C-alpha atoms as a PDB file:
ATOM      1  CA  MET A   1      73.691 110.502  89.625  1.00  0.00           C
ATOM      2  CA  LYS A   2      76.785 108.419  89.848  1.00  0.00           C
ATOM      3  CA  ASN A   3      76.794 107.533  86.217  1.00  0.00           C
ATOM      4  CA  LEU A   4      76.187 111.174  85.176  1.00  0.00           C
ATOM      5  CA  LYS A   5      79.191 112.078  87.224  1.00  0.00           C
ATOM      6  CA  ARG A   6      81.325 109.105  85.751  1.00  0.00           C
ATOM      7  CA  LEU A   7      79.893 110.193  82.278  1.00  0.00           C
ATOM      8  CA  GLY A   8      81.194 114.058  83.167  1.00  0.00           C
ATOM      9  CA  TYR A   9      84.523 112.815  84.353  1.00  0.00           C
ATOM     10  CA  LEU A  10      84.832 111.038  81.214  1.00  0.00           C
ATOM     11  CA  VAL A  11      83.953 113.514  78.728  1.00  0.00           C
ATOM     12  CA  LEU A  12      86.492 115.685  80.758  1.00  0.00           C
ATOM     13  CA  ILE A  13      89.356 113.533  80.237  1.00  0.00           C
ATOM     14  CA  VAL A  14      88.881 112.743  76.734  1.00  0.00           C
ATOM     15  CA  SER A  15      88.653 116.734  76.078  1.00  0.00           C
ATOM     16  CA  ILE A  16      91.698 117.189  77.633  1.00  0.00           C
ATOM     17  CA  GLY A  17      93.746 114.215  75.969  1.00  0.00           C
ATOM     18  CA  LEU A  18      92.481 115.921  72.765  1.00  0.00           C
ATOM     19  CA  ILE A  19      93.764 119.103  73.617  1.00  0.00           C
ATOM     20  CA  ALA A  20      96.900 118.004  74.916  1.00  0.00           C
ATOM     21  CA  SER A  21      97.314 115.913  71.338  1.00  0.00           C
ATOM     22  CA  CYS A  22      97.149 119.096  69.213  1.00  0.00           C
ATOM     23  CA  THR A  23     100.810 120.055  68.853  1.00  0.00           C
ATOM     24  CA  LYS A  24     102.302 123.669  69.015  1.00  0.00           C
ATOM     25  CA  GLU A  25     103.119 123.126  65.432  1.00  0.00           C
ATOM     26  CA  GLN A  26      99.359 122.146  64.320  1.00  0.00           C
ATOM     27  CA  LEU A  27      98.125 125.588  66.447  1.00  0.00           C
ATOM     28  CA  VAL A  28     100.799 127.436  64.427  1.00  0.00           C
ATOM     29  CA  LEU A  29      99.515 126.019  61.002  1.00  0.00           C
ATOM     30  CA  LYS A  30      95.636 126.542  61.834  1.00  0.00           C
ATOM     31  CA  ILE A  31      96.376 129.993  62.620  1.00  0.00           C
ATOM     32  CA  LEU A  32      98.320 130.710  59.547  1.00  0.00           C
ATOM     33  CA  GLU A  33      95.558 129.314  57.444  1.00  0.00           C
ATOM     34  CA  GLY A  34      93.822 132.292  55.671  1.00  0.00           C
ATOM     35  CA  GLU A  35      94.437 135.580  54.440  1.00  0.00           C
ATOM     36  CA  TRP A  36      96.720 138.197  55.893  1.00  0.00           C
ATOM     37  CA  ASP A  37      97.573 141.381  54.884  1.00  0.00           C
ATOM     38  CA  VAL A  38     100.651 143.201  54.874  1.00  0.00           C
ATOM     39  CA  ASN A  39     100.761 146.003  57.805  1.00  0.00           C
ATOM     40  CA  SER A  40     104.205 146.882  57.683  1.00  0.00           C
ATOM     41  CA  VAL A  41     107.990 146.231  56.214  1.00  0.00           C
ATOM     42  CA  VAL A  42     110.680 147.655  58.109  1.00  0.00           C
ATOM     43  CA  VAL A  43     114.477 147.737  57.007  1.00  0.00           C
ATOM     44  CA  ASP A  44     117.215 148.128  59.411  1.00  0.00           C
ATOM     45  CA  GLY A  45     114.545 149.688  61.729  1.00  0.00           C
ATOM     46  CA  VAL A  46     113.300 152.155  58.959  1.00  0.00           C
ATOM     47  CA  PRO A  47     109.591 151.456  58.124  1.00  0.00           C
ATOM     48  CA  GLN A  48     109.267 151.399  53.959  1.00  0.00           C
ATOM     49  CA  PRO A  49     106.501 153.387  52.327  1.00  0.00           C
ATOM     50  CA  THR A  50     103.009 152.009  52.590  1.00  0.00           C
ATOM     51  CA  SER A  51     102.862 151.813  48.938  1.00  0.00           C
ATOM     52  CA  SER A  52     105.285 149.407  48.067  1.00  0.00           C
ATOM     53  CA  TYR A  53     103.360 146.685  50.127  1.00  0.00           C
ATOM     54  CA  LYS A  54      99.820 148.071  50.126  1.00  0.00           C
ATOM     55  CA  ASP A  55      98.046 145.338  47.637  1.00  0.00           C
ATOM     56  CA  GLN A  56     100.042 142.468  49.042  1.00  0.00           C
ATOM     57  CA  VAL A  57      98.146 139.703  50.811  1.00  0.00           C
ATOM     58  CA  TYR A  58      99.451 136.251  51.917  1.00  0.00           C
ATOM     59  CA  ILE A  59      97.284 133.455  51.506  1.00  0.00           C
ATOM     60  CA  PHE A  60      98.224 130.292  53.519  1.00  0.00           C
ATOM     61  CA  ASP A  61      96.391 127.193  52.466  1.00  0.00           C
ATOM     62  CA  LYS A  62      94.573 124.876  54.892  1.00  0.00           C
ATOM     63  CA  CYS A  63      97.744 122.795  55.945  1.00  0.00           C
ATOM     64  CA  ASP A  64      98.074 119.846  58.512  1.00  0.00           C
ATOM     65  CA  GLU A  65     100.804 118.832  60.524  1.00  0.00           C
ATOM     66  CA  THR A  66     101.255 115.648  58.661  1.00  0.00           C
ATOM     67  CA  ASP A  67     101.605 117.277  55.495  1.00  0.00           C
ATOM     68  CA  GLU A  68     105.667 117.094  54.421  1.00  0.00           C
ATOM     69  CA  VAL A  69     104.766 120.761  52.673  1.00  0.00           C
ATOM     70  CA  CYS A  70     102.436 123.352  53.154  1.00  0.00           C
ATOM     71  CA  TYR A  71     101.318 125.766  50.152  1.00  0.00           C
ATOM     72  CA  GLY A  72     100.300 129.555  50.031  1.00  0.00           C
ATOM     73  CA  ARG A  73     100.378 132.469  47.663  1.00  0.00           C
ATOM     74  CA  ILE A  74     101.241 136.028  47.780  1.00  0.00           C
ATOM     75  CA  LYS A  75      98.490 138.185  45.754  1.00  0.00           C
ATOM     76  CA  ASP A  76      98.983 141.353  44.860  1.00  0.00           C
ATOM     77  CA  GLU A  77      95.331 143.010  44.372  1.00  0.00           C
ATOM     78  CA  SER A  78      96.276 146.081  42.450  1.00  0.00           C
ATOM     79  CA  ASN A  79      97.450 144.141  39.244  1.00  0.00           C
ATOM     80  CA  ASN A  80      96.050 140.578  40.120  1.00  0.00           C
ATOM     81  CA  SER A  81      98.965 138.850  39.980  1.00  0.00           C
ATOM     82  CA  LYS A  82     100.338 136.068  42.468  1.00  0.00           C
ATOM     83  CA  VAL A  83     103.444 133.885  43.579  1.00  0.00           C
ATOM     84  CA  GLU A  84     103.344 130.733  44.832  1.00  0.00           C
ATOM     85  CA  PHE A  85     105.051 129.246  47.405  1.00  0.00           C
ATOM     86  CA  SER A  86     105.501 126.268  49.735  1.00  0.00           C
ATOM     87  CA  TYR A  87     106.764 126.696  53.561  1.00  0.00           C
ATOM     88  CA  GLN A  88     107.617 124.668  56.352  1.00  0.00           C
ATOM     89  CA  ILE A  89     107.319 125.201  60.048  1.00  0.00           C
ATOM     90  CA  GLY A  90     110.331 124.714  62.065  1.00  0.00           C
ATOM     91  CA  GLU A  91     110.048 122.147  64.646  1.00  0.00           C
ATOM     92  CA  THR A  92     111.121 125.011  67.460  1.00  0.00           C
ATOM     93  CA  LEU A  93     108.530 126.936  65.891  1.00  0.00           C
ATOM     94  CA  ASP A  94     110.802 129.819  65.971  1.00  0.00           C
ATOM     95  CA  ASP A  95     111.597 129.805  62.523  1.00  0.00           C
ATOM     96  CA  PHE A  96     109.787 128.616  59.017  1.00  0.00           C
ATOM     97  CA  THR A  97     111.285 128.004  55.735  1.00  0.00           C
ATOM     98  CA  LEU A  98     109.504 129.705  52.570  1.00  0.00           C
ATOM     99  CA  SER A  99     110.271 128.636  48.938  1.00  0.00           C
ATOM    100  CA  TYR A 100     109.436 129.970  45.934  1.00  0.00           C
ATOM    101  CA  SER A 101     110.584 127.384  43.620  1.00  0.00           C
ATOM    102  CA  GLY A 102     109.542 123.937  45.730  1.00  0.00           C
ATOM    103  CA  ASN A 103     112.695 123.180  46.772  1.00  0.00           C
ATOM    104  CA  PHE A 104     113.620 123.879  50.110  1.00  0.00           C
ATOM    105  CA  ASP A 105     117.616 123.748  49.879  1.00  0.00           C
ATOM    106  CA  GLU A 106     116.851 126.879  47.707  1.00  0.00           C
ATOM    107  CA  GLY A 107     114.303 128.490  50.270  1.00  0.00           C
ATOM    108  CA  PHE A 108     114.710 131.367  52.899  1.00  0.00           C
ATOM    109  CA  ILE A 109     114.592 130.481  56.604  1.00  0.00           C
ATOM    110  CA  TYR A 110     112.800 133.238  58.265  1.00  0.00           C
ATOM    111  CA  ASP A 111     112.530 133.982  62.036  1.00  0.00           C
ATOM    112  CA  VAL A 112     109.329 134.095  63.699  1.00  0.00           C
ATOM    113  CA  ASP A 113     109.272 136.961  65.970  1.00  0.00           C
ATOM    114  CA  GLU A 114     105.446 136.707  66.739  1.00  0.00           C
ATOM    115  CA  HIS A 115     102.429 134.463  66.071  1.00  0.00           C
ATOM    116  CA  THR A 116      99.136 134.992  67.486  1.00  0.00           C
ATOM    117  CA  PRO A 117      95.513 134.563  65.842  1.00  0.00           C
ATOM    118  CA  THR A 118      95.676 137.953  64.397  1.00  0.00           C
ATOM    119  CA  LYS A 119      99.195 138.964  64.062  1.00  0.00           C
ATOM    120  CA  PHE A 120     102.156 137.038  62.336  1.00  0.00           C
ATOM    121  CA  ILE A 121     105.808 138.858  62.009  1.00  0.00           C
ATOM    122  CA  TYR A 122     108.712 137.469  60.719  1.00  0.00           C
ATOM    123  CA  SER A 123     112.080 138.642  59.988  1.00  0.00           C
ATOM    124  CA  PHE A 124     115.359 137.797  58.070  1.00  0.00           C
ATOM    125  CA  THR A 125     118.971 139.205  57.664  1.00  0.00           C
ATOM    126  CA  ASP A 126     120.016 139.093  54.232  1.00  0.00           C
ATOM    127  CA  THR A 127     123.723 138.345  53.103  1.00  0.00           C
ATOM    128  CA  ILE A 128     124.839 141.952  53.417  1.00  0.00           C
ATOM    129  CA  GLY A 129     123.604 142.106  57.077  1.00  0.00           C
ATOM    130  CA  SER A 130     120.433 144.080  56.412  1.00  0.00           C
ATOM    131  CA  LYS A 131     117.412 143.173  58.515  1.00  0.00           C
ATOM    132  CA  THR A 132     113.907 143.330  57.221  1.00  0.00           C
ATOM    133  CA  THR A 133     110.908 142.537  59.399  1.00  0.00           C
ATOM    134  CA  ILE A 134     107.425 141.749  57.778  1.00  0.00           C
ATOM    135  CA  SER A 135     104.134 142.132  59.994  1.00  0.00           C
ATOM    136  CA  LEU A 136     101.177 140.493  58.744  1.00  0.00           C
ATOM    137  CA  ASP A 137      97.536 141.016  60.142  1.00  0.00           C
ATOM    138  CA  LYS A 138      94.872 138.376  59.541  1.00  0.00           C
ATOM    139  CA  ARG A 139      91.891 139.328  57.930  1.00  0.00           C
ATOM    140  CA  ASP A 140      88.546 138.755  59.249  1.00  0.00           C
END
């Protein structure tokens, strides 16, 4: 009986160690992995017409925090076109860099407003001061 208790404690300690070793960045990367529908686009508080984004799907490929760069694409399901991108999650998890050229010096830095297993909202302010917020919903 004592051996079973010790084994139980050992399993508990190892489990806690594994959970604690999974960084917040890794959790965000795991959450992002998969397909996301664009739910809304808002510019300076004004919702944009659904027709401008309704067929867009963000696809984030599987990525590990040890990867320097993560990859994905935005697919337009109405005409099957796609735009490849690479991205990096910021160290504080409140921003990420998205590059369409593969060169992060030319990439865009976006604010992460919300990230849950089913919702990802990010925003940016352009050079003339307009703020755009994009809301994505994870596909089942």
